[in-house]
Amino acid sequence: MSQNRVQFQRGLSLEGFLAEYGTEEQCIALVLEMRFPKGYECGECGSTEHKVARRGRMLECSHCYYRTYVTAGTIFHGSKLPLKKWFLAMHLLTKDKQGISALQLMREIGVCYETAWTVKHKLMVVMEERSLEKKLEGEAVADDAYMGGKQSNGKRGRGSENKIPFVASASLALDGRPNQISLRVVSGFDSESLKDWAKTNLAQGVHLSTDGLPGFRSIENAGIRHSATSMRQDPSQQDKGCFFWINTILGNLKNAITGTYHHVEEKYVGRYLAEFEYRFNRRYDLKTILPRLLYAATHTLPIPEKQLKLNAASR
């Protein structure tokens, strides 16, 4: 039996991580390279001549004396945490498909829980913003799903106040396997909500397969080709073809959430879905997943901690 090349990738080992990102100087140099790929250029006068101060963290223009901090304007902005700990956190968030909780991150990078929570959520926002930029193309499949635990009282299933509705969708490769996935929180599974979801997350020309949920019919009004298979009429389809893969993804997602985090606050569900989506969509080349997250982090605007704790929908 041949090995799954994606599954058996070596990725980046701890030894390899320490060799490339183990010192503060290495991390500063990499952030600087990401911010100024063509070399430093003063944001005020455009001069390239500069001096380095504060152990490489600050650059001062030799012409107008304008000062720039290496981490200014990035997700690391204003953080007193050494960059090497930020980099270790990024490595831990991307190396395991099950993810890592803030509590475990606290132990791994040697900080207090509040700091670990802030670091994790800032990085999840980076992942979320990158994920929102892309739309599914070609052949795709979607299903309605919920995030949330069981309640001893109250309504169960659809309409339960304890469950957060989201749409799980995936574009399919030529062999029918999932290529890229999209996990988006929605206000509900009514026609208007799903029509808005389709406009935001599906590219023109996509062909989407869904189950018999009536709300999905509205996406045809958004210019999306749509095929529906009623599971009630043919339950066997649930474990076949594209529906098998979307159900597998949902199973892996829920195992990761319940196994790693146990509980997710409602207002942060979108971030946790984005974290899973980010890793899944970049699973083909595990050695580049950390550099790609680093690039995204240096090109994501700063997030004040107060805003980070607000409802994620406000961003």
C-alpha atoms as a PDB file:
ATOM      1  CA  MET A   1       0.000   0.000   0.000  1.00  0.00           C
ATOM      2  CA  SER A   2       1.499   3.338  -1.061  1.00  0.00           C
ATOM      3  CA  GLN A   3       1.991   6.127   1.464  1.00  0.00           C
ATOM      4  CA  ASN A   4      -0.095   9.290   1.414  1.00  0.00           C
ATOM      5  CA  ARG A   5       2.485  11.905   0.401  1.00  0.00           C
ATOM      6  CA  VAL A   6       0.587  14.716   2.115  1.00  0.00           C
ATOM      7  CA  GLN A   7       0.166  12.797   5.350  1.00  0.00           C
ATOM      8  CA  PHE A   8       3.771  11.591   5.515  1.00  0.00           C
ATOM      9  CA  GLN A   9       5.478  14.944   4.964  1.00  0.00           C
ATOM     10  CA  ARG A  10       8.310  15.625   7.374  1.00  0.00           C
ATOM     11  CA  GLY A  11       7.307  19.221   7.946  1.00  0.00           C
ATOM     12  CA  LEU A  12       9.481  21.407  10.176  1.00  0.00           C
ATOM     13  CA  SER A  13      11.048  19.583  13.114  1.00  0.00           C
ATOM     14  CA  LEU A  14      11.793  21.262  16.433  1.00  0.00           C
ATOM     15  CA  GLU A  15      15.502  21.022  15.631  1.00  0.00           C
ATOM     16  CA  GLY A  16      14.906  22.658  12.265  1.00  0.00           C
ATOM     17  CA  PHE A  17      12.759  25.368  13.858  1.00  0.00           C
ATOM     18  CA  LEU A  18      15.459  26.234  16.398  1.00  0.00           C
ATOM     19  CA  ALA A  19      18.092  26.372  13.669  1.00  0.00           C
ATOM     20  CA  GLU A  20      16.085  28.875  11.594  1.00  0.00           C
ATOM     21  CA  TYR A  21      14.144  30.814  14.244  1.00  0.00           C
ATOM     22  CA  GLY A  22      15.824  30.038  17.556  1.00  0.00           C
ATOM     23  CA  THR A  23      17.350  33.433  18.327  1.00  0.00           C
ATOM     24  CA  GLU A  24      15.853  36.893  18.681  1.00  0.00           C
ATOM     25  CA  GLU A  25      18.300  38.223  16.092  1.00  0.00           C
ATOM     26  CA  GLN A  26      17.105  35.678  13.507  1.00  0.00           C
ATOM     27  CA  CYS A  27      13.464  36.567  14.138  1.00  0.00           C
ATOM     28  CA  ILE A  28      14.064  40.329  13.910  1.00  0.00           C
ATOM     29  CA  ALA A  29      15.955  39.876  10.649  1.00  0.00           C
ATOM     30  CA  LEU A  30      13.100  37.819   9.162  1.00  0.00           C
ATOM     31  CA  VAL A  31      10.415  40.349  10.149  1.00  0.00           C
ATOM     32  CA  LEU A  32      12.570  43.104   8.675  1.00  0.00           C
ATOM     33  CA  GLU A  33      12.947  41.115   5.442  1.00  0.00           C
ATOM     34  CA  MET A  34       9.187  40.579   5.248  1.00  0.00           C
ATOM     35  CA  ARG A  35       8.439  44.266   5.803  1.00  0.00           C
ATOM     36  CA  PHE A  36      11.138  45.596   3.489  1.00  0.00           C
ATOM     37  CA  PRO A  37      11.801  42.901   0.839  1.00  0.00           C
ATOM     38  CA  LYS A  38      13.689  45.424  -1.332  1.00  0.00           C
ATOM     39  CA  GLY A  39      15.593  46.910   1.591  1.00  0.00           C
ATOM     40  CA  TYR A  40      14.771  49.629   4.101  1.00  0.00           C
ATOM     41  CA  GLU A  41      13.153  52.803   2.818  1.00  0.00           C
ATOM     42  CA  CYS A  42      12.209  55.667   5.133  1.00  0.00           C
ATOM     43  CA  GLY A  43       8.465  56.174   5.346  1.00  0.00           C
ATOM     44  CA  GLU A  44       8.908  59.952   5.557  1.00  0.00           C
ATOM     45  CA  CYS A  45      11.609  60.944   3.064  1.00  0.00           C
ATOM     46  CA  GLY A  46      12.266  57.724   1.132  1.00  0.00           C
ATOM     47  CA  SER A  47      15.954  57.575   2.045  1.00  0.00           C
ATOM     48  CA  THR A  48      17.537  54.120   2.293  1.00  0.00           C
ATOM     49  CA  GLU A  49      20.390  55.185   4.598  1.00  0.00           C
ATOM     50  CA  HIS A  50      19.699  54.318   8.210  1.00  0.00           C
ATOM     51  CA  LYS A  51      21.079  53.336  11.568  1.00  0.00           C
ATOM     52  CA  VAL A  52      20.076  50.343  13.659  1.00  0.00           C
ATOM     53  CA  ALA A  53      19.322  50.796  17.355  1.00  0.00           C
ATOM     54  CA  ARG A  54      17.788  49.001  20.322  1.00  0.00           C
ATOM     55  CA  ARG A  55      19.279  45.629  19.421  1.00  0.00           C
ATOM     56  CA  GLY A  56      17.942  45.732  15.912  1.00  0.00           C
ATOM     57  CA  ARG A  57      14.356  46.551  16.872  1.00  0.00           C
ATOM     58  CA  MET A  58      14.478  50.186  15.717  1.00  0.00           C
ATOM     59  CA  LEU A  59      15.661  51.781  12.477  1.00  0.00           C
ATOM     60  CA  GLU A  60      16.526  55.486  12.280  1.00  0.00           C
ATOM     61  CA  CYS A  61      16.727  57.326   8.982  1.00  0.00           C
ATOM     62  CA  SER A  62      20.129  58.967   8.553  1.00  0.00           C
ATOM     63  CA  HIS A  63      18.570  61.808   6.538  1.00  0.00           C
ATOM     64  CA  CYS A  64      15.451  62.947   8.459  1.00  0.00           C
ATOM     65  CA  TYR A  65      15.954  60.908  11.655  1.00  0.00           C
ATOM     66  CA  TYR A  66      12.524  59.316  11.367  1.00  0.00           C
ATOM     67  CA  ARG A  67      12.351  56.248  13.578  1.00  0.00           C
ATOM     68  CA  THR A  68      10.660  52.999  12.663  1.00  0.00           C
ATOM     69  CA  TYR A  69      10.227  49.986  14.890  1.00  0.00           C
ATOM     70  CA  VAL A  70      10.627  46.694  13.060  1.00  0.00           C
ATOM     71  CA  THR A  71       7.320  45.399  14.434  1.00  0.00           C
ATOM     72  CA  ALA A  72       5.355  48.652  13.935  1.00  0.00           C
ATOM     73  CA  GLY A  73       2.199  48.222  11.870  1.00  0.00           C
ATOM     74  CA  THR A  74       2.265  44.424  12.178  1.00  0.00           C
ATOM     75  CA  ILE A  75       0.401  41.956  14.364  1.00  0.00           C
ATOM     76  CA  PHE A  76       3.416  42.137  16.748  1.00  0.00           C
ATOM     77  CA  HIS A  77       2.956  45.906  17.210  1.00  0.00           C
ATOM     78  CA  GLY A  78       3.363  47.052  20.817  1.00  0.00           C
ATOM     79  CA  SER A  79       4.091  43.572  22.146  1.00  0.00           C
ATOM     80  CA  LYS A  80       6.752  43.237  24.839  1.00  0.00           C
ATOM     81  CA  LEU A  81       7.007  39.516  24.177  1.00  0.00           C
ATOM     82  CA  PRO A  82      10.258  38.480  22.444  1.00  0.00           C
ATOM     83  CA  LEU A  83       9.763  37.668  18.775  1.00  0.00           C
ATOM     84  CA  LYS A  84      11.275  34.231  19.247  1.00  0.00           C
ATOM     85  CA  LYS A  85       8.312  33.364  21.489  1.00  0.00           C
ATOM     86  CA  TRP A  86       5.879  34.690  18.870  1.00  0.00           C
ATOM     87  CA  PHE A  87       7.615  32.523  16.290  1.00  0.00           C
ATOM     88  CA  LEU A  88       7.440  29.450  18.543  1.00  0.00           C
ATOM     89  CA  ALA A  89       3.720  30.097  19.037  1.00  0.00           C
ATOM     90  CA  MET A  90       3.239  30.257  15.248  1.00  0.00           C
ATOM     91  CA  HIS A  91       5.125  26.987  14.851  1.00  0.00           C
ATOM     92  CA  LEU A  92       2.981  25.265  17.478  1.00  0.00           C
ATOM     93  CA  LEU A  93      -0.258  26.587  15.954  1.00  0.00           C
ATOM     94  CA  THR A  94       0.619  25.289  12.489  1.00  0.00           C
ATOM     95  CA  LYS A  95       2.456  22.010  13.058  1.00  0.00           C
ATOM     96  CA  ASP A  96      -0.431  19.887  14.398  1.00  0.00           C
ATOM     97  CA  LYS A  97      -3.809  19.524  12.681  1.00  0.00           C
ATOM     98  CA  GLN A  98      -5.458  19.281  16.109  1.00  0.00           C
ATOM     99  CA  GLY A  99      -4.260  22.764  17.069  1.00  0.00           C
ATOM    100  CA  ILE A 100      -3.111  23.897  20.512  1.00  0.00           C
ATOM    101  CA  SER A 101      -5.087  25.496  23.328  1.00  0.00           C
ATOM    102  CA  ALA A 102      -4.086  28.764  24.982  1.00  0.00           C
ATOM    103  CA  LEU A 103      -3.489  26.827  28.200  1.00  0.00           C
ATOM    104  CA  GLN A 104      -1.031  24.462  26.522  1.00  0.00           C
ATOM    105  CA  LEU A 105       0.537  27.359  24.624  1.00  0.00           C
ATOM    106  CA  MET A 106       1.116  29.066  27.976  1.00  0.00           C
ATOM    107  CA  ARG A 107       3.204  26.093  29.116  1.00  0.00           C
ATOM    108  CA  GLU A 108       5.076  25.673  25.839  1.00  0.00           C
ATOM    109  CA  ILE A 109       6.294  29.265  25.405  1.00  0.00           C
ATOM    110  CA  GLY A 110       6.616  30.100  29.105  1.00  0.00           C
ATOM    111  CA  VAL A 111       4.175  33.001  29.575  1.00  0.00           C
ATOM    112  CA  CYS A 112       1.080  33.702  31.676  1.00  0.00           C
ATOM    113  CA  TYR A 113      -2.319  32.530  30.439  1.00  0.00           C
ATOM    114  CA  GLU A 114      -3.499  36.023  29.468  1.00  0.00           C
ATOM    115  CA  THR A 115      -0.456  36.525  27.251  1.00  0.00           C
ATOM    116  CA  ALA A 116      -0.836  33.093  25.643  1.00  0.00           C
ATOM    117  CA  TRP A 117      -4.539  33.793  24.967  1.00  0.00           C
ATOM    118  CA  THR A 118      -3.709  37.150  23.370  1.00  0.00           C
ATOM    119  CA  VAL A 119      -0.970  35.671  21.180  1.00  0.00           C
ATOM    120  CA  LYS A 120      -3.169  32.789  20.040  1.00  0.00           C
ATOM    121  CA  HIS A 121      -6.164  34.978  19.216  1.00  0.00           C
ATOM    122  CA  LYS A 122      -4.094  37.559  17.361  1.00  0.00           C
ATOM    123  CA  LEU A 123      -2.617  34.794  15.218  1.00  0.00           C
ATOM    124  CA  MET A 124      -6.072  33.306  14.645  1.00  0.00           C
ATOM    125  CA  VAL A 125      -7.265  36.718  13.425  1.00  0.00           C
ATOM    126  CA  VAL A 126      -4.344  36.717  10.965  1.00  0.00           C
ATOM    127  CA  MET A 127      -5.463  33.294   9.724  1.00  0.00           C
ATOM    128  CA  GLU A 128      -9.071  34.431   9.517  1.00  0.00           C
ATOM    129  CA  GLU A 129      -8.302  37.530   7.469  1.00  0.00           C
ATOM    130  CA  ARG A 130      -6.197  35.545   5.012  1.00  0.00           C
ATOM    131  CA  SER A 131      -8.918  32.917   4.659  1.00  0.00           C
ATOM    132  CA  LEU A 132     -11.617  35.500   3.951  1.00  0.00           C
ATOM    133  CA  GLU A 133      -9.664  36.728   0.921  1.00  0.00           C
ATOM    134  CA  LYS A 134     -10.192  33.514  -1.078  1.00  0.00           C
ATOM    135  CA  LYS A 135     -13.260  32.046  -2.770  1.00  0.00           C
ATOM    136  CA  LEU A 136     -13.926  28.455  -3.753  1.00  0.00           C
ATOM    137  CA  GLU A 137     -13.764  27.660  -7.468  1.00  0.00           C
ATOM    138  CA  GLY A 138     -14.678  24.805  -9.836  1.00  0.00           C
ATOM    139  CA  GLU A 139     -16.575  21.832  -8.442  1.00  0.00           C
ATOM    140  CA  ALA A 140     -17.575  22.302  -4.812  1.00  0.00           C
ATOM    141  CA  VAL A 141     -19.775  20.807  -2.109  1.00  0.00           C
ATOM    142  CA  ALA A 142     -21.390  22.425   0.933  1.00  0.00           C
ATOM    143  CA  ASP A 143     -23.306  21.359   4.009  1.00  0.00           C
ATOM    144  CA  ASP A 144     -24.989  23.069   6.936  1.00  0.00           C
ATOM    145  CA  ALA A 145     -23.401  22.458  10.336  1.00  0.00           C
ATOM    146  CA  TYR A 146     -23.464  23.667  13.914  1.00  0.00           C
ATOM    147  CA  MET A 147     -20.900  24.403  16.576  1.00  0.00           C
ATOM    148  CA  GLY A 148     -21.949  23.994  20.187  1.00  0.00           C
ATOM    149  CA  GLY A 149     -22.411  21.526  22.997  1.00  0.00           C
ATOM    150  CA  LYS A 150     -25.438  19.776  24.334  1.00  0.00           C
ATOM    151  CA  GLN A 151     -27.864  21.458  26.705  1.00  0.00           C
ATOM    152  CA  SER A 152     -29.917  19.673  29.293  1.00  0.00           C
ATOM    153  CA  ASN A 153     -32.760  22.125  28.716  1.00  0.00           C
ATOM    154  CA  GLY A 154     -33.947  23.989  25.686  1.00  0.00           C
ATOM    155  CA  LYS A 155     -34.494  23.257  22.034  1.00  0.00           C
ATOM    156  CA  ARG A 156     -32.290  20.741  20.253  1.00  0.00           C
ATOM    157  CA  GLY A 157     -31.063  20.658  16.660  1.00  0.00           C
ATOM    158  CA  ARG A 158     -31.817  23.493  14.253  1.00  0.00           C
ATOM    159  CA  GLY A 159     -32.831  26.652  16.042  1.00  0.00           C
ATOM    160  CA  SER A 160     -31.127  25.747  19.324  1.00  0.00           C
ATOM    161  CA  GLU A 161     -29.821  28.836  21.084  1.00  0.00           C
ATOM    162  CA  ASN A 162     -26.783  26.824  22.164  1.00  0.00           C
ATOM    163  CA  LYS A 163     -25.547  26.075  18.639  1.00  0.00           C
ATOM    164  CA  ILE A 164     -23.757  28.368  16.194  1.00  0.00           C
ATOM    165  CA  PRO A 165     -24.700  27.757  12.540  1.00  0.00           C
ATOM    166  CA  PHE A 166     -21.951  27.658   9.936  1.00  0.00           C
ATOM    167  CA  VAL A 167     -21.513  26.449   6.373  1.00  0.00           C
ATOM    168  CA  ALA A 168     -18.783  23.902   5.639  1.00  0.00           C
ATOM    169  CA  SER A 169     -17.816  23.855   1.973  1.00  0.00           C
ATOM    170  CA  ALA A 170     -14.968  22.484  -0.089  1.00  0.00           C
ATOM    171  CA  SER A 171     -13.667  22.704  -3.631  1.00  0.00           C
ATOM    172  CA  LEU A 172     -12.879  19.310  -5.129  1.00  0.00           C
ATOM    173  CA  ALA A 173      -9.821  18.073  -7.005  1.00  0.00           C
ATOM    174  CA  LEU A 174     -10.119  15.966 -10.162  1.00  0.00           C
ATOM    175  CA  ASP A 175     -10.116  12.765  -8.100  1.00  0.00           C
ATOM    176  CA  GLY A 176     -13.059  14.038  -6.031  1.00  0.00           C
ATOM    177  CA  ARG A 177     -11.025  14.681  -2.896  1.00  0.00           C
ATOM    178  CA  PRO A 178     -11.262  18.034  -1.085  1.00  0.00           C
ATOM    179  CA  ASN A 179      -8.719  20.581  -2.276  1.00  0.00           C
ATOM    180  CA  GLN A 180      -9.567  23.758  -0.362  1.00  0.00           C
ATOM    181  CA  ILE A 181     -12.176  24.222   2.349  1.00  0.00           C
ATOM    182  CA  SER A 182     -14.199  27.173   3.629  1.00  0.00           C
ATOM    183  CA  LEU A 183     -15.803  27.304   7.091  1.00  0.00           C
ATOM    184  CA  ARG A 184     -18.030  30.358   7.608  1.00  0.00           C
ATOM    185  CA  VAL A 185     -20.368  31.318  10.425  1.00  0.00           C
ATOM    186  CA  VAL A 186     -23.791  32.389   9.115  1.00  0.00           C
ATOM    187  CA  SER A 187     -26.792  33.992  10.797  1.00  0.00           C
ATOM    188  CA  GLY A 188     -28.968  31.061   9.759  1.00  0.00           C
ATOM    189  CA  PHE A 189     -29.831  28.682   6.943  1.00  0.00           C
ATOM    190  CA  ASP A 190     -32.621  30.748   5.446  1.00  0.00           C
ATOM    191  CA  SER A 191     -32.547  31.800   1.800  1.00  0.00           C
ATOM    192  CA  GLU A 192     -31.184  35.323   2.335  1.00  0.00           C
ATOM    193  CA  SER A 193     -28.377  34.208   4.655  1.00  0.00           C
ATOM    194  CA  LEU A 194     -27.211  31.482   2.282  1.00  0.00           C
ATOM    195  CA  LYS A 195     -27.466  33.786  -0.729  1.00  0.00           C
ATOM    196  CA  ASP A 196     -25.180  36.284   1.038  1.00  0.00           C
ATOM    197  CA  TRP A 197     -22.834  33.441   1.975  1.00  0.00           C
ATOM    198  CA  ALA A 198     -22.621  32.327  -1.666  1.00  0.00           C
ATOM    199  CA  LYS A 199     -21.813  35.833  -2.945  1.00  0.00           C
ATOM    200  CA  THR A 200     -19.011  36.197  -0.412  1.00  0.00           C
ATOM    201  CA  ASN A 201     -17.435  32.740  -0.549  1.00  0.00           C
ATOM    202  CA  LEU A 202     -18.037  31.276  -4.022  1.00  0.00           C
ATOM    203  CA  ALA A 203     -16.403  32.409  -7.251  1.00  0.00           C
ATOM    204  CA  GLN A 204     -18.432  32.896 -10.409  1.00  0.00           C
ATOM    205  CA  GLY A 205     -18.743  29.704 -12.443  1.00  0.00           C
ATOM    206  CA  VAL A 206     -18.536  27.366  -9.467  1.00  0.00           C
ATOM    207  CA  HIS A 207     -20.804  24.305  -9.464  1.00  0.00           C
ATOM    208  CA  LEU A 208     -22.030  23.596  -5.950  1.00  0.00           C
ATOM    209  CA  SER A 209     -23.528  20.315  -4.726  1.00  0.00           C
ATOM    210  CA  THR A 210     -25.618  20.345  -1.533  1.00  0.00           C
ATOM    211  CA  ASP A 211     -28.133  18.221   0.297  1.00  0.00           C
ATOM    212  CA  GLY A 212     -31.846  18.961   0.164  1.00  0.00           C
ATOM    213  CA  LEU A 213     -31.820  21.949   2.547  1.00  0.00           C
ATOM    214  CA  PRO A 214     -34.275  24.427   0.937  1.00  0.00           C
ATOM    215  CA  GLY A 215     -32.227  27.526   1.761  1.00  0.00           C
ATOM    216  CA  PHE A 216     -29.447  26.491  -0.608  1.00  0.00           C
ATOM    217  CA  ARG A 217     -31.777  26.911  -3.577  1.00  0.00           C
ATOM    218  CA  SER A 218     -31.413  30.686  -3.251  1.00  0.00           C
ATOM    219  CA  ILE A 219     -27.771  30.584  -4.348  1.00  0.00           C
ATOM    220  CA  GLU A 220     -28.966  30.085  -7.913  1.00  0.00           C
ATOM    221  CA  ASN A 221     -30.143  33.702  -7.737  1.00  0.00           C
ATOM    222  CA  ALA A 222     -26.524  34.661  -7.009  1.00  0.00           C
ATOM    223  CA  GLY A 223     -25.376  33.199 -10.338  1.00  0.00           C
ATOM    224  CA  ILE A 224     -24.157  29.893  -8.872  1.00  0.00           C
ATOM    225  CA  ARG A 225     -24.810  26.563 -10.604  1.00  0.00           C
ATOM    226  CA  HIS A 226     -26.403  24.289  -8.040  1.00  0.00           C
ATOM    227  CA  SER A 227     -27.247  20.589  -7.708  1.00  0.00           C
ATOM    228  CA  ALA A 228     -29.184  19.241  -4.747  1.00  0.00           C
ATOM    229  CA  THR A 229     -29.460  15.654  -3.516  1.00  0.00           C
ATOM    230  CA  SER A 230     -32.125  14.946  -0.919  1.00  0.00           C
ATOM    231  CA  MET A 231     -30.669  12.767   1.830  1.00  0.00           C
ATOM    232  CA  ARG A 232     -34.146  11.827   2.951  1.00  0.00           C
ATOM    233  CA  GLN A 233     -34.883  10.285  -0.422  1.00  0.00           C
ATOM    234  CA  ASP A 234     -31.451   8.657  -0.777  1.00  0.00           C
ATOM    235  CA  PRO A 235     -29.669   8.387   2.623  1.00  0.00           C
ATOM    236  CA  SER A 236     -26.881   6.295   1.072  1.00  0.00           C
ATOM    237  CA  GLN A 237     -25.493   9.417  -0.626  1.00  0.00           C
ATOM    238  CA  GLN A 238     -24.404  10.753   2.750  1.00  0.00           C
ATOM    239  CA  ASP A 239     -21.495   8.314   2.795  1.00  0.00           C
ATOM    240  CA  LYS A 240     -20.643   8.492  -0.889  1.00  0.00           C
ATOM    241  CA  GLY A 241     -18.679  10.802  -3.172  1.00  0.00           C
ATOM    242  CA  CYS A 242     -18.439  14.473  -2.281  1.00  0.00           C
ATOM    243  CA  PHE A 243     -20.766  14.121   0.708  1.00  0.00           C
ATOM    244  CA  PHE A 244     -18.419  11.551   2.228  1.00  0.00           C
ATOM    245  CA  TRP A 245     -15.559  14.046   2.155  1.00  0.00           C
ATOM    246  CA  ILE A 246     -17.497  16.989   3.572  1.00  0.00           C
ATOM    247  CA  ASN A 247     -18.723  14.746   6.406  1.00  0.00           C
ATOM    248  CA  THR A 248     -15.148  13.588   7.013  1.00  0.00           C
ATOM    249  CA  ILE A 249     -13.970  17.204   7.242  1.00  0.00           C
ATOM    250  CA  LEU A 250     -16.756  18.033   9.697  1.00  0.00           C
ATOM    251  CA  GLY A 251     -15.869  14.990  11.783  1.00  0.00           C
ATOM    252  CA  ASN A 252     -12.186  15.956  11.915  1.00  0.00           C
ATOM    253  CA  LEU A 253     -13.100  19.555  12.755  1.00  0.00           C
ATOM    254  CA  LYS A 254     -15.357  18.607  15.645  1.00  0.00           C
ATOM    255  CA  ASN A 255     -12.812  16.104  16.985  1.00  0.00           C
ATOM    256  CA  ALA A 256     -10.151  18.818  16.937  1.00  0.00           C
ATOM    257  CA  ILE A 257     -12.396  21.372  18.647  1.00  0.00           C
ATOM    258  CA  THR A 258     -13.705  19.068  21.371  1.00  0.00           C
ATOM    259  CA  GLY A 259     -10.392  17.284  21.882  1.00  0.00           C
ATOM    260  CA  THR A 260      -8.204  20.379  22.080  1.00  0.00           C
ATOM    261  CA  TYR A 261     -10.415  23.175  23.380  1.00  0.00           C
ATOM    262  CA  HIS A 262     -13.410  21.444  25.025  1.00  0.00           C
ATOM    263  CA  HIS A 263     -15.322  24.748  24.929  1.00  0.00           C
ATOM    264  CA  VAL A 264     -15.344  27.671  22.481  1.00  0.00           C
ATOM    265  CA  GLU A 265     -17.067  30.974  23.219  1.00  0.00           C
ATOM    266  CA  GLU A 266     -19.734  31.868  20.699  1.00  0.00           C
ATOM    267  CA  LYS A 267     -18.179  35.164  19.646  1.00  0.00           C
ATOM    268  CA  TYR A 268     -14.871  33.477  18.792  1.00  0.00           C
ATOM    269  CA  VAL A 269     -16.206  30.507  16.810  1.00  0.00           C
ATOM    270  CA  GLY A 270     -15.244  32.116  13.483  1.00  0.00           C
ATOM    271  CA  ARG A 271     -11.613  32.337  14.587  1.00  0.00           C
ATOM    272  CA  TYR A 272     -11.408  28.686  15.570  1.00  0.00           C
ATOM    273  CA  LEU A 273     -12.986  27.647  12.289  1.00  0.00           C
ATOM    274  CA  ALA A 274     -10.466  29.847  10.422  1.00  0.00           C
ATOM    275  CA  GLU A 275      -7.557  28.251  12.293  1.00  0.00           C
ATOM    276  CA  PHE A 276      -8.634  24.761  11.195  1.00  0.00           C
ATOM    277  CA  GLU A 277      -9.289  25.994   7.645  1.00  0.00           C
ATOM    278  CA  TYR A 278      -5.890  27.730   7.438  1.00  0.00           C
ATOM    279  CA  ARG A 279      -3.960  24.592   8.326  1.00  0.00           C
ATOM    280  CA  PHE A 280      -6.044  22.343   6.081  1.00  0.00           C
ATOM    281  CA  ASN A 281      -5.672  24.552   3.008  1.00  0.00           C
ATOM    282  CA  ARG A 282      -1.878  24.692   3.395  1.00  0.00           C
ATOM    283  CA  ARG A 283      -1.318  21.040   4.220  1.00  0.00           C
ATOM    284  CA  TYR A 284       0.346  20.264   0.866  1.00  0.00           C
ATOM    285  CA  ASP A 285       3.617  21.940   1.839  1.00  0.00           C
ATOM    286  CA  LEU A 286       4.141  21.858   5.596  1.00  0.00           C
ATOM    287  CA  LYS A 287       7.628  23.377   5.393  1.00  0.00           C
ATOM    288  CA  THR A 288       6.216  26.646   4.036  1.00  0.00           C
ATOM    289  CA  ILE A 289       3.228  27.005   6.351  1.00  0.00           C
ATOM    290  CA  LEU A 290       5.212  28.896   9.019  1.00  0.00           C
ATOM    291  CA  PRO A 291       6.897  31.365   6.603  1.00  0.00           C
ATOM    292  CA  ARG A 292       3.517  32.025   4.996  1.00  0.00           C
ATOM    293  CA  LEU A 293       1.937  32.753   8.375  1.00  0.00           C
ATOM    294  CA  LEU A 294       4.880  35.006   9.220  1.00  0.00           C
ATOM    295  CA  TYR A 295       4.343  36.953   6.000  1.00  0.00           C
ATOM    296  CA  ALA A 296       0.631  37.316   6.798  1.00  0.00           C
ATOM    297  CA  ALA A 297       1.412  38.426  10.371  1.00  0.00           C
ATOM    298  CA  THR A 298       3.744  41.177   9.175  1.00  0.00           C
ATOM    299  CA  HIS A 299       1.060  42.411   6.750  1.00  0.00           C
ATOM    300  CA  THR A 300      -1.862  42.377   9.181  1.00  0.00           C
ATOM    301  CA  LEU A 301      -2.678  45.643  10.946  1.00  0.00           C
ATOM    302  CA  PRO A 302      -2.251  45.827  14.747  1.00  0.00           C
ATOM    303  CA  ILE A 303      -5.175  44.721  16.904  1.00  0.00           C
ATOM    304  CA  PRO A 304      -5.611  46.411  20.309  1.00  0.00           C
ATOM    305  CA  GLU A 305      -6.293  43.884  23.053  1.00  0.00           C
ATOM    306  CA  LYS A 306      -9.647  45.499  23.905  1.00  0.00           C
ATOM    307  CA  GLN A 307     -10.787  45.068  20.318  1.00  0.00           C
ATOM    308  CA  LEU A 308      -9.489  41.496  20.290  1.00  0.00           C
ATOM    309  CA  LYS A 309     -11.971  40.599  23.052  1.00  0.00           C
ATOM    310  CA  LEU A 310     -14.939  42.214  21.351  1.00  0.00           C
ATOM    311  CA  ASN A 311     -17.320  40.196  19.243  1.00  0.00           C
ATOM    312  CA  ALA A 312     -15.285  38.943  16.293  1.00  0.00           C
ATOM    313  CA  ALA A 313     -18.058  40.070  13.945  1.00  0.00           C
ATOM    314  CA  SER A 314     -17.191  43.701  14.737  1.00  0.00           C
ATOM    315  CA  ARG A 315     -13.899  43.501  12.835  1.00  0.00           C
END
